[in-house]
Amino acid sequence: MLSQRRALSHEAWCASSRAAQLNLLSLDEYARAECVALYAPVHNETDTEMILRDALQTGKRVLYPAVCGHQMVFRPVERIEMLQEGAFGILEPCPTGVDHQADEADMILVPGVAFDLSGHRIGYGKGFYDRFLHHPGCTSQLIGLCHDFQLTDGAIPVDIHDIPMEIIVSATRIVRISQ
């Protein structure tokens, strides 16, 4: 999946990212959310910039992840220029922002390498999102955002600490997971 994602042409990445973002923007859950947590894409992950722009235009609070040692926090972003290269070469908010926990966002978009129809995901193996999402009291809507080929009909192996998504959104599909 990683090699297939990295091999996407810029045009294919743009088209897939745009369609997936439009699908996400059409969700009632997004319309109701007052605070959304996004991510800065790396290695052809599905883009989130269209969602950022819409969220800011519609008065939503926006948070982005930042890695602090072995932990992850969310920090507010009011414009894309507030992102700078951080851990692992990923854009993240300046370290001067206020740290927020997982229970403060109504909706959290979670990147991944692959997702299955049960809501499970394969990340990059460092566990930042899973540890972060174990926050007590987290009631955020968890949404996997991906390209179509990253959503597999087969089951993904699951560990006890893995947190499943509630919705998975791609360019052509919106999959609601029944828990």
N, C-alpha and C. Protein backbone atom coordinates (compact mmCIF):
# COMPACT_ATOMS: atom_id res chain seq x y z
N MET A 1 0.82 -1.20 0.00
CA MET A 1 0.00 0.00 0.00
C MET A 1 0.86 1.26 0.00
N LEU A 2 1.94 1.22 0.80
CA LEU A 2 2.81 2.39 0.85
C LEU A 2 3.43 2.67 -0.51
N SER A 3 3.91 1.63 -1.17
CA SER A 3 4.55 1.85 -2.47
C SER A 3 3.53 2.30 -3.51
N GLN A 4 2.31 1.77 -3.43
CA GLN A 4 1.26 2.20 -4.36
C GLN A 4 0.90 3.66 -4.12
N ARG A 5 0.82 4.05 -2.84
CA ARG A 5 0.50 5.44 -2.53
C ARG A 5 1.61 6.38 -2.96
N ARG A 6 2.85 5.98 -2.71
CA ARG A 6 3.98 6.84 -3.10
C ARG A 6 4.12 6.95 -4.61
N ALA A 7 3.61 5.94 -5.35
CA ALA A 7 3.72 5.95 -6.80
C ALA A 7 2.63 6.77 -7.48
N LEU A 8 1.67 7.29 -6.70
CA LEU A 8 0.61 8.11 -7.29
C LEU A 8 1.21 9.32 -8.00
N SER A 9 0.73 9.59 -9.20
CA SER A 9 1.14 10.83 -9.87
C SER A 9 0.51 12.01 -9.12
N HIS A 10 1.08 13.18 -9.31
CA HIS A 10 0.53 14.37 -8.65
C HIS A 10 -0.93 14.58 -9.05
N GLU A 11 -1.23 14.37 -10.32
CA GLU A 11 -2.60 14.55 -10.81
C GLU A 11 -3.56 13.55 -10.16
N ALA A 12 -3.14 12.29 -10.05
CA ALA A 12 -3.99 11.26 -9.43
C ALA A 12 -4.18 11.56 -7.94
N TRP A 13 -3.10 11.99 -7.27
CA TRP A 13 -3.19 12.34 -5.85
C TRP A 13 -4.16 13.51 -5.65
N CYS A 14 -4.03 14.53 -6.48
CA CYS A 14 -4.93 15.69 -6.37
C CYS A 14 -6.38 15.30 -6.58
N ALA A 15 -6.65 14.51 -7.62
CA ALA A 15 -8.03 14.12 -7.93
C ALA A 15 -8.62 13.26 -6.81
N SER A 16 -7.87 12.28 -6.33
CA SER A 16 -8.35 11.42 -5.26
C SER A 16 -8.55 12.20 -3.97
N SER A 17 -7.59 13.06 -3.64
CA SER A 17 -7.69 13.86 -2.42
C SER A 17 -8.89 14.80 -2.48
N ARG A 18 -9.08 15.43 -3.62
CA ARG A 18 -10.21 16.36 -3.77
C ARG A 18 -11.54 15.64 -3.58
N ALA A 19 -11.70 14.49 -4.24
CA ALA A 19 -12.96 13.74 -4.14
C ALA A 19 -13.20 13.24 -2.71
N ALA A 20 -12.15 12.76 -2.04
CA ALA A 20 -12.30 12.28 -0.66
C ALA A 20 -12.68 13.44 0.27
N GLN A 21 -12.03 14.59 0.08
CA GLN A 21 -12.36 15.75 0.92
C GLN A 21 -13.78 16.23 0.69
N LEU A 22 -14.23 16.23 -0.57
CA LEU A 22 -15.62 16.62 -0.84
C LEU A 22 -16.59 15.66 -0.17
N ASN A 23 -16.26 14.36 -0.18
CA ASN A 23 -17.11 13.39 0.52
C ASN A 23 -17.15 13.69 2.02
N LEU A 24 -16.01 14.01 2.60
CA LEU A 24 -15.98 14.32 4.02
C LEU A 24 -16.78 15.58 4.32
N LEU A 25 -16.62 16.59 3.49
CA LEU A 25 -17.34 17.85 3.70
C LEU A 25 -18.86 17.69 3.59
N SER A 26 -19.30 16.60 2.95
CA SER A 26 -20.74 16.35 2.80
C SER A 26 -21.35 15.66 4.02
N LEU A 27 -20.54 15.21 4.95
CA LEU A 27 -21.05 14.48 6.11
C LEU A 27 -21.79 15.39 7.08
N ASP A 28 -22.91 14.91 7.61
CA ASP A 28 -23.62 15.65 8.65
C ASP A 28 -22.74 15.82 9.89
N GLU A 29 -21.92 14.81 10.18
CA GLU A 29 -21.04 14.88 11.34
C GLU A 29 -20.06 16.05 11.21
N TYR A 30 -19.60 16.29 10.00
CA TYR A 30 -18.70 17.42 9.78
C TYR A 30 -19.47 18.73 9.97
N ALA A 31 -20.66 18.81 9.43
CA ALA A 31 -21.46 20.04 9.55
C ALA A 31 -21.71 20.39 11.01
N ARG A 32 -21.94 19.37 11.84
CA ARG A 32 -22.22 19.60 13.26
C ARG A 32 -20.97 19.89 14.09
N ALA A 33 -19.82 19.48 13.62
CA ALA A 33 -18.59 19.61 14.40
C ALA A 33 -18.21 21.08 14.59
N GLU A 34 -17.87 21.44 15.81
CA GLU A 34 -17.39 22.78 16.10
C GLU A 34 -15.86 22.82 16.13
N CYS A 35 -15.25 21.66 16.38
CA CYS A 35 -13.80 21.56 16.44
C CYS A 35 -13.36 20.29 15.71
N VAL A 36 -12.52 20.44 14.69
CA VAL A 36 -12.04 19.30 13.92
C VAL A 36 -10.53 19.19 14.02
N ALA A 37 -10.06 17.97 14.11
CA ALA A 37 -8.62 17.71 14.14
C ALA A 37 -8.23 17.11 12.80
N LEU A 38 -7.29 17.74 12.13
CA LEU A 38 -6.82 17.30 10.82
C LEU A 38 -5.40 16.77 10.96
N TYR A 39 -4.79 16.43 9.84
CA TYR A 39 -3.38 16.04 9.81
C TYR A 39 -2.75 16.65 8.57
N ALA A 40 -1.45 16.83 8.62
CA ALA A 40 -0.70 17.30 7.45
C ALA A 40 -0.21 16.06 6.71
N PRO A 41 -0.59 15.89 5.45
CA PRO A 41 -0.24 14.66 4.73
C PRO A 41 1.24 14.55 4.39
N VAL A 42 1.73 13.31 4.40
CA VAL A 42 3.09 13.00 3.96
C VAL A 42 3.02 11.81 3.01
N HIS A 43 3.98 11.72 2.11
CA HIS A 43 4.10 10.57 1.20
C HIS A 43 2.78 10.24 0.49
N ASN A 44 2.12 11.26 -0.04
CA ASN A 44 0.88 11.12 -0.80
C ASN A 44 -0.32 10.63 0.02
N GLU A 45 -0.31 10.87 1.34
CA GLU A 45 -1.53 10.64 2.10
C GLU A 45 -2.60 11.58 1.54
N THR A 46 -3.84 11.24 1.74
CA THR A 46 -4.94 12.08 1.27
C THR A 46 -4.81 13.47 1.89
N ASP A 47 -4.90 14.48 1.04
CA ASP A 47 -4.74 15.86 1.47
C ASP A 47 -5.90 16.29 2.36
N THR A 48 -5.66 17.32 3.19
CA THR A 48 -6.70 17.86 4.07
C THR A 48 -6.84 19.37 3.95
N GLU A 49 -6.12 19.99 3.01
CA GLU A 49 -6.11 21.45 2.93
C GLU A 49 -7.49 22.03 2.60
N MET A 50 -8.26 21.37 1.76
CA MET A 50 -9.60 21.85 1.42
C MET A 50 -10.49 21.85 2.67
N ILE A 51 -10.33 20.83 3.50
CA ILE A 51 -11.10 20.74 4.74
C ILE A 51 -10.67 21.85 5.69
N LEU A 52 -9.36 22.09 5.79
CA LEU A 52 -8.86 23.18 6.62
C LEU A 52 -9.49 24.50 6.20
N ARG A 53 -9.44 24.80 4.93
CA ARG A 53 -9.97 26.08 4.44
C ARG A 53 -11.47 26.21 4.73
N ASP A 54 -12.23 25.14 4.50
CA ASP A 54 -13.66 25.17 4.77
C ASP A 54 -13.92 25.34 6.26
N ALA A 55 -13.20 24.60 7.08
CA ALA A 55 -13.40 24.69 8.53
C ALA A 55 -13.15 26.11 9.03
N LEU A 56 -12.08 26.71 8.58
CA LEU A 56 -11.77 28.07 9.02
C LEU A 56 -12.82 29.07 8.52
N GLN A 57 -13.27 28.89 7.27
CA GLN A 57 -14.28 29.80 6.71
C GLN A 57 -15.62 29.68 7.42
N THR A 58 -15.93 28.51 7.94
CA THR A 58 -17.22 28.29 8.59
C THR A 58 -17.13 28.44 10.11
N GLY A 59 -15.99 28.93 10.62
CA GLY A 59 -15.87 29.24 12.04
C GLY A 59 -15.57 28.07 12.95
N LYS A 60 -15.13 26.96 12.41
CA LYS A 60 -14.77 25.82 13.24
C LYS A 60 -13.37 26.04 13.82
N ARG A 61 -13.14 25.49 15.00
CA ARG A 61 -11.78 25.46 15.53
C ARG A 61 -11.07 24.29 14.86
N VAL A 62 -9.78 24.45 14.55
CA VAL A 62 -9.02 23.42 13.87
C VAL A 62 -7.77 23.08 14.69
N LEU A 63 -7.54 21.80 14.87
CA LEU A 63 -6.37 21.32 15.59
C LEU A 63 -5.55 20.42 14.66
N TYR A 64 -4.23 20.42 14.87
CA TYR A 64 -3.32 19.54 14.14
C TYR A 64 -2.44 18.83 15.15
N PRO A 65 -1.98 17.62 14.84
CA PRO A 65 -1.11 16.90 15.77
C PRO A 65 0.32 17.45 15.78
N ALA A 66 0.93 17.32 16.94
CA ALA A 66 2.35 17.63 17.11
C ALA A 66 2.94 16.54 17.99
N VAL A 67 4.10 16.05 17.61
CA VAL A 67 4.76 15.00 18.37
C VAL A 67 5.70 15.64 19.38
N CYS A 68 5.55 15.23 20.63
CA CYS A 68 6.39 15.73 21.73
C CYS A 68 7.01 14.51 22.40
N GLY A 69 8.22 14.17 22.03
CA GLY A 69 8.86 12.97 22.56
C GLY A 69 8.17 11.73 22.03
N HIS A 70 7.60 10.94 22.95
CA HIS A 70 6.89 9.72 22.55
C HIS A 70 5.38 9.91 22.55
N GLN A 71 4.94 11.14 22.75
CA GLN A 71 3.51 11.43 22.83
C GLN A 71 3.10 12.39 21.72
N MET A 72 1.80 12.45 21.49
CA MET A 72 1.24 13.36 20.51
C MET A 72 0.22 14.24 21.21
N VAL A 73 0.16 15.50 20.81
CA VAL A 73 -0.85 16.44 21.30
C VAL A 73 -1.45 17.11 20.07
N PHE A 74 -2.54 17.80 20.28
CA PHE A 74 -3.12 18.63 19.23
C PHE A 74 -2.91 20.08 19.61
N ARG A 75 -2.66 20.90 18.59
CA ARG A 75 -2.52 22.34 18.81
C ARG A 75 -3.38 23.08 17.78
N PRO A 76 -3.88 24.26 18.16
CA PRO A 76 -4.74 25.01 17.23
C PRO A 76 -3.97 25.56 16.03
N VAL A 77 -4.66 25.62 14.91
CA VAL A 77 -4.12 26.21 13.68
C VAL A 77 -5.19 27.15 13.13
N GLU A 78 -4.79 28.37 12.87
CA GLU A 78 -5.73 29.37 12.34
C GLU A 78 -5.45 29.71 10.89
N ARG A 79 -4.32 29.24 10.38
CA ARG A 79 -3.97 29.39 8.97
C ARG A 79 -2.86 28.39 8.66
N ILE A 80 -2.79 27.98 7.42
CA ILE A 80 -1.86 26.92 7.04
C ILE A 80 -0.41 27.31 7.27
N GLU A 81 -0.12 28.60 7.25
CA GLU A 81 1.25 29.06 7.46
C GLU A 81 1.74 28.81 8.89
N MET A 82 0.85 28.44 9.79
CA MET A 82 1.25 28.13 11.17
C MET A 82 1.92 26.76 11.29
N LEU A 83 1.90 25.99 10.20
CA LEU A 83 2.51 24.66 10.23
C LEU A 83 3.98 24.77 9.83
N GLN A 84 4.83 24.05 10.53
CA GLN A 84 6.26 24.01 10.22
C GLN A 84 6.74 22.58 10.35
N GLU A 85 7.86 22.28 9.72
CA GLU A 85 8.38 20.92 9.77
C GLU A 85 8.71 20.54 11.20
N GLY A 86 8.17 19.37 11.59
CA GLY A 86 8.40 18.87 12.95
C GLY A 86 8.96 17.47 12.91
N ALA A 87 8.51 16.66 13.85
CA ALA A 87 8.98 15.28 13.96
C ALA A 87 8.72 14.51 12.68
N PHE A 88 9.67 13.70 12.28
CA PHE A 88 9.56 12.84 11.11
C PHE A 88 9.36 13.62 9.81
N GLY A 89 9.67 14.93 9.82
CA GLY A 89 9.53 15.75 8.63
C GLY A 89 8.10 16.11 8.30
N ILE A 90 7.18 15.90 9.23
CA ILE A 90 5.75 16.18 9.03
C ILE A 90 5.45 17.60 9.51
N LEU A 91 4.64 18.32 8.76
CA LEU A 91 4.24 19.66 9.18
C LEU A 91 3.37 19.56 10.43
N GLU A 92 3.67 20.42 11.40
CA GLU A 92 2.88 20.46 12.63
C GLU A 92 2.85 21.89 13.16
N PRO A 93 1.92 22.19 14.07
CA PRO A 93 1.82 23.55 14.60
C PRO A 93 3.05 23.94 15.40
N CYS A 94 3.28 25.25 15.44
CA CYS A 94 4.40 25.79 16.21
C CYS A 94 4.32 25.31 17.66
N PRO A 95 5.47 25.11 18.30
CA PRO A 95 5.46 24.63 19.68
C PRO A 95 4.96 25.65 20.70
N THR A 96 4.62 26.84 20.25
CA THR A 96 4.12 27.85 21.18
C THR A 96 2.61 27.74 21.40
N GLY A 97 1.93 26.88 20.61
CA GLY A 97 0.48 26.75 20.75
C GLY A 97 0.09 26.00 22.01
N VAL A 98 -1.16 26.14 22.41
CA VAL A 98 -1.70 25.45 23.57
C VAL A 98 -1.93 23.98 23.20
N ASP A 99 -1.54 23.07 24.08
CA ASP A 99 -1.74 21.65 23.83
C ASP A 99 -3.18 21.25 24.17
N HIS A 100 -3.78 20.44 23.31
CA HIS A 100 -5.14 19.94 23.51
C HIS A 100 -5.10 18.42 23.50
N GLN A 101 -6.06 17.81 24.18
CA GLN A 101 -6.16 16.35 24.23
C GLN A 101 -7.26 15.86 23.28
N ALA A 102 -7.36 14.55 23.12
CA ALA A 102 -8.28 13.95 22.15
C ALA A 102 -9.74 14.26 22.45
N ASP A 103 -10.08 14.50 23.70
CA ASP A 103 -11.48 14.74 24.04
C ASP A 103 -11.96 16.14 23.67
N GLU A 104 -11.10 16.98 23.13
CA GLU A 104 -11.48 18.35 22.81
C GLU A 104 -11.95 18.55 21.38
N ALA A 105 -11.76 17.56 20.52
CA ALA A 105 -12.21 17.67 19.13
C ALA A 105 -13.50 16.89 18.95
N ASP A 106 -14.42 17.44 18.18
CA ASP A 106 -15.66 16.72 17.86
C ASP A 106 -15.39 15.64 16.82
N MET A 107 -14.41 15.88 15.97
CA MET A 107 -14.08 14.97 14.86
C MET A 107 -12.57 14.93 14.70
N ILE A 108 -12.02 13.72 14.59
CA ILE A 108 -10.59 13.56 14.38
C ILE A 108 -10.38 12.77 13.10
N LEU A 109 -9.68 13.38 12.12
CA LEU A 109 -9.31 12.67 10.90
C LEU A 109 -8.00 11.95 11.17
N VAL A 110 -7.99 10.66 10.88
CA VAL A 110 -6.84 9.83 11.19
C VAL A 110 -6.24 9.28 9.90
N PRO A 111 -4.95 9.54 9.67
CA PRO A 111 -4.31 8.97 8.48
C PRO A 111 -3.99 7.50 8.72
N GLY A 112 -3.67 6.80 7.66
CA GLY A 112 -3.28 5.40 7.79
C GLY A 112 -2.70 4.88 6.50
N VAL A 113 -2.08 3.72 6.61
CA VAL A 113 -1.54 3.03 5.44
C VAL A 113 -2.65 2.24 4.77
N ALA A 114 -3.50 1.60 5.59
CA ALA A 114 -4.61 0.80 5.07
C ALA A 114 -5.74 0.79 6.10
N PHE A 115 -6.96 0.60 5.59
CA PHE A 115 -8.16 0.52 6.43
C PHE A 115 -8.98 -0.67 5.95
N ASP A 116 -9.74 -1.29 6.88
CA ASP A 116 -10.65 -2.35 6.44
C ASP A 116 -12.09 -1.93 6.75
N LEU A 117 -13.04 -2.75 6.32
CA LEU A 117 -14.45 -2.39 6.44
C LEU A 117 -14.98 -2.50 7.87
N SER A 118 -14.14 -2.98 8.80
CA SER A 118 -14.50 -3.02 10.21
C SER A 118 -13.97 -1.79 10.96
N GLY A 119 -13.32 -0.90 10.23
CA GLY A 119 -12.81 0.32 10.84
C GLY A 119 -11.39 0.23 11.35
N HIS A 120 -10.76 -0.93 11.20
CA HIS A 120 -9.38 -1.07 11.66
C HIS A 120 -8.42 -0.43 10.67
N ARG A 121 -7.28 -0.03 11.17
CA ARG A 121 -6.29 0.63 10.33
C ARG A 121 -4.89 0.15 10.65
N ILE A 122 -4.05 0.29 9.66
CA ILE A 122 -2.62 0.10 9.85
C ILE A 122 -2.01 1.48 9.73
N GLY A 123 -1.28 1.88 10.75
CA GLY A 123 -0.58 3.15 10.72
C GLY A 123 0.88 2.91 10.37
N TYR A 124 1.73 3.78 10.85
CA TYR A 124 3.16 3.64 10.57
C TYR A 124 3.89 2.82 11.62
N GLY A 125 3.17 2.32 12.62
CA GLY A 125 3.76 1.41 13.58
C GLY A 125 4.33 2.04 14.84
N LYS A 126 4.26 3.34 14.97
CA LYS A 126 4.81 3.98 16.17
C LYS A 126 3.74 4.16 17.25
N GLY A 127 2.45 4.02 16.90
CA GLY A 127 1.37 4.04 17.88
C GLY A 127 0.96 5.40 18.41
N PHE A 128 1.40 6.49 17.79
CA PHE A 128 1.08 7.81 18.30
C PHE A 128 -0.44 8.04 18.37
N TYR A 129 -1.15 7.75 17.28
CA TYR A 129 -2.60 7.98 17.28
C TYR A 129 -3.30 7.07 18.27
N ASP A 130 -2.96 5.78 18.31
CA ASP A 130 -3.64 4.86 19.21
C ASP A 130 -3.43 5.27 20.67
N ARG A 131 -2.22 5.64 21.05
CA ARG A 131 -1.98 6.10 22.43
C ARG A 131 -2.77 7.37 22.71
N PHE A 132 -2.77 8.28 21.76
CA PHE A 132 -3.47 9.56 21.93
C PHE A 132 -4.98 9.34 22.07
N LEU A 133 -5.53 8.44 21.26
CA LEU A 133 -6.97 8.24 21.26
C LEU A 133 -7.46 7.44 22.46
N HIS A 134 -6.57 6.86 23.25
CA HIS A 134 -6.95 6.16 24.48
C HIS A 134 -7.27 7.15 25.60
N HIS A 135 -7.25 8.43 25.32
CA HIS A 135 -7.53 9.45 26.33
C HIS A 135 -8.91 9.20 26.95
N PRO A 136 -8.98 9.18 28.30
CA PRO A 136 -10.28 8.95 28.93
C PRO A 136 -11.27 10.06 28.55
N GLY A 137 -12.48 9.68 28.28
CA GLY A 137 -13.51 10.65 27.95
C GLY A 137 -13.52 11.08 26.50
N CYS A 138 -12.69 10.46 25.66
CA CYS A 138 -12.66 10.83 24.24
C CYS A 138 -13.94 10.34 23.56
N THR A 139 -14.75 11.29 23.11
CA THR A 139 -15.98 10.95 22.39
C THR A 139 -15.93 11.47 20.96
N SER A 140 -14.75 11.85 20.52
CA SER A 140 -14.60 12.38 19.17
C SER A 140 -15.00 11.36 18.12
N GLN A 141 -15.60 11.83 17.04
CA GLN A 141 -15.90 10.98 15.89
C GLN A 141 -14.58 10.69 15.20
N LEU A 142 -14.22 9.42 15.04
CA LEU A 142 -12.96 9.03 14.43
C LEU A 142 -13.18 8.66 12.98
N ILE A 143 -12.50 9.36 12.09
CA ILE A 143 -12.71 9.17 10.66
C ILE A 143 -11.39 8.90 9.97
N GLY A 144 -11.32 7.78 9.28
CA GLY A 144 -10.17 7.47 8.45
C GLY A 144 -10.37 8.09 7.08
N LEU A 145 -9.39 8.82 6.60
CA LEU A 145 -9.45 9.48 5.29
C LEU A 145 -8.38 8.84 4.43
N CYS A 146 -8.79 8.32 3.26
CA CYS A 146 -7.81 7.55 2.47
C CYS A 146 -8.16 7.56 0.99
N HIS A 147 -7.22 7.05 0.19
CA HIS A 147 -7.46 6.81 -1.22
C HIS A 147 -8.22 5.48 -1.34
N ASP A 148 -8.94 5.30 -2.43
CA ASP A 148 -9.76 4.10 -2.60
C ASP A 148 -8.97 2.80 -2.43
N PHE A 149 -7.77 2.73 -2.97
CA PHE A 149 -7.02 1.48 -2.91
C PHE A 149 -6.55 1.15 -1.50
N GLN A 150 -6.60 2.11 -0.58
CA GLN A 150 -6.20 1.87 0.81
C GLN A 150 -7.31 1.23 1.63
N LEU A 151 -8.52 1.19 1.10
CA LEU A 151 -9.65 0.59 1.79
C LEU A 151 -9.82 -0.83 1.28
N THR A 152 -9.50 -1.81 2.12
CA THR A 152 -9.49 -3.19 1.70
C THR A 152 -10.70 -3.96 2.22
N ASP A 153 -11.18 -4.89 1.42
CA ASP A 153 -12.29 -5.75 1.84
C ASP A 153 -11.82 -6.81 2.83
N GLY A 154 -10.54 -7.14 2.80
CA GLY A 154 -9.99 -8.13 3.72
C GLY A 154 -9.78 -7.54 5.10
N ALA A 155 -9.68 -8.41 6.10
CA ALA A 155 -9.49 -7.98 7.49
C ALA A 155 -8.03 -7.61 7.74
N ILE A 156 -7.84 -6.53 8.48
CA ILE A 156 -6.52 -6.09 8.90
C ILE A 156 -6.26 -6.68 10.28
N PRO A 157 -5.05 -7.19 10.54
CA PRO A 157 -4.74 -7.71 11.88
C PRO A 157 -4.89 -6.60 12.93
N VAL A 158 -5.43 -6.97 14.08
CA VAL A 158 -5.73 -5.99 15.12
C VAL A 158 -5.02 -6.38 16.41
N ASP A 159 -4.43 -5.37 17.07
CA ASP A 159 -3.88 -5.55 18.41
C ASP A 159 -4.87 -4.99 19.41
N ILE A 160 -4.72 -5.37 20.66
CA ILE A 160 -5.65 -4.94 21.70
C ILE A 160 -5.67 -3.42 21.89
N HIS A 161 -4.56 -2.74 21.60
CA HIS A 161 -4.49 -1.29 21.80
C HIS A 161 -4.99 -0.50 20.58
N ASP A 162 -5.29 -1.17 19.47
CA ASP A 162 -5.74 -0.48 18.26
C ASP A 162 -7.14 0.10 18.45
N ILE A 163 -7.32 1.32 18.02
CA ILE A 163 -8.61 2.02 18.12
C ILE A 163 -9.25 2.02 16.74
N PRO A 164 -10.47 1.46 16.59
CA PRO A 164 -11.12 1.44 15.27
C PRO A 164 -11.73 2.79 14.91
N MET A 165 -11.82 3.03 13.61
CA MET A 165 -12.49 4.22 13.09
C MET A 165 -14.00 3.98 13.11
N GLU A 166 -14.76 5.07 13.10
CA GLU A 166 -16.21 4.96 13.04
C GLU A 166 -16.73 5.18 11.62
N ILE A 167 -15.97 5.94 10.84
CA ILE A 167 -16.31 6.21 9.45
C ILE A 167 -15.01 6.18 8.66
N ILE A 168 -15.05 5.64 7.47
CA ILE A 168 -13.90 5.72 6.57
C ILE A 168 -14.37 6.40 5.29
N VAL A 169 -13.63 7.40 4.86
CA VAL A 169 -14.00 8.19 3.70
C VAL A 169 -12.89 8.10 2.67
N SER A 170 -13.28 7.77 1.44
CA SER A 170 -12.34 7.77 0.32
C SER A 170 -12.96 8.58 -0.81
N ALA A 171 -12.34 8.54 -1.97
CA ALA A 171 -12.83 9.31 -3.11
C ALA A 171 -14.20 8.83 -3.58
N THR A 172 -14.47 7.54 -3.46
CA THR A 172 -15.74 7.00 -3.98
C THR A 172 -16.62 6.35 -2.93
N ARG A 173 -16.14 6.30 -1.68
CA ARG A 173 -16.92 5.58 -0.66
C ARG A 173 -16.95 6.34 0.67
N ILE A 174 -18.08 6.20 1.34
CA ILE A 174 -18.22 6.59 2.74
C ILE A 174 -18.72 5.34 3.44
N VAL A 175 -17.88 4.78 4.32
CA VAL A 175 -18.22 3.55 5.01
C VAL A 175 -18.46 3.86 6.47
N ARG A 176 -19.69 3.62 6.92
CA ARG A 176 -20.04 3.80 8.32
C ARG A 176 -19.90 2.45 9.00
N ILE A 177 -19.12 2.41 10.07
CA ILE A 177 -18.84 1.16 10.76
C ILE A 177 -19.87 0.97 11.86
N SER A 178 -20.53 -0.16 11.85
CA SER A 178 -21.47 -0.46 12.93
C SER A 178 -20.69 -1.14 14.06
N GLN A 179 -20.73 -0.53 15.22
CA GLN A 179 -19.96 -1.04 16.36
C GLN A 179 -20.73 -2.11 17.10
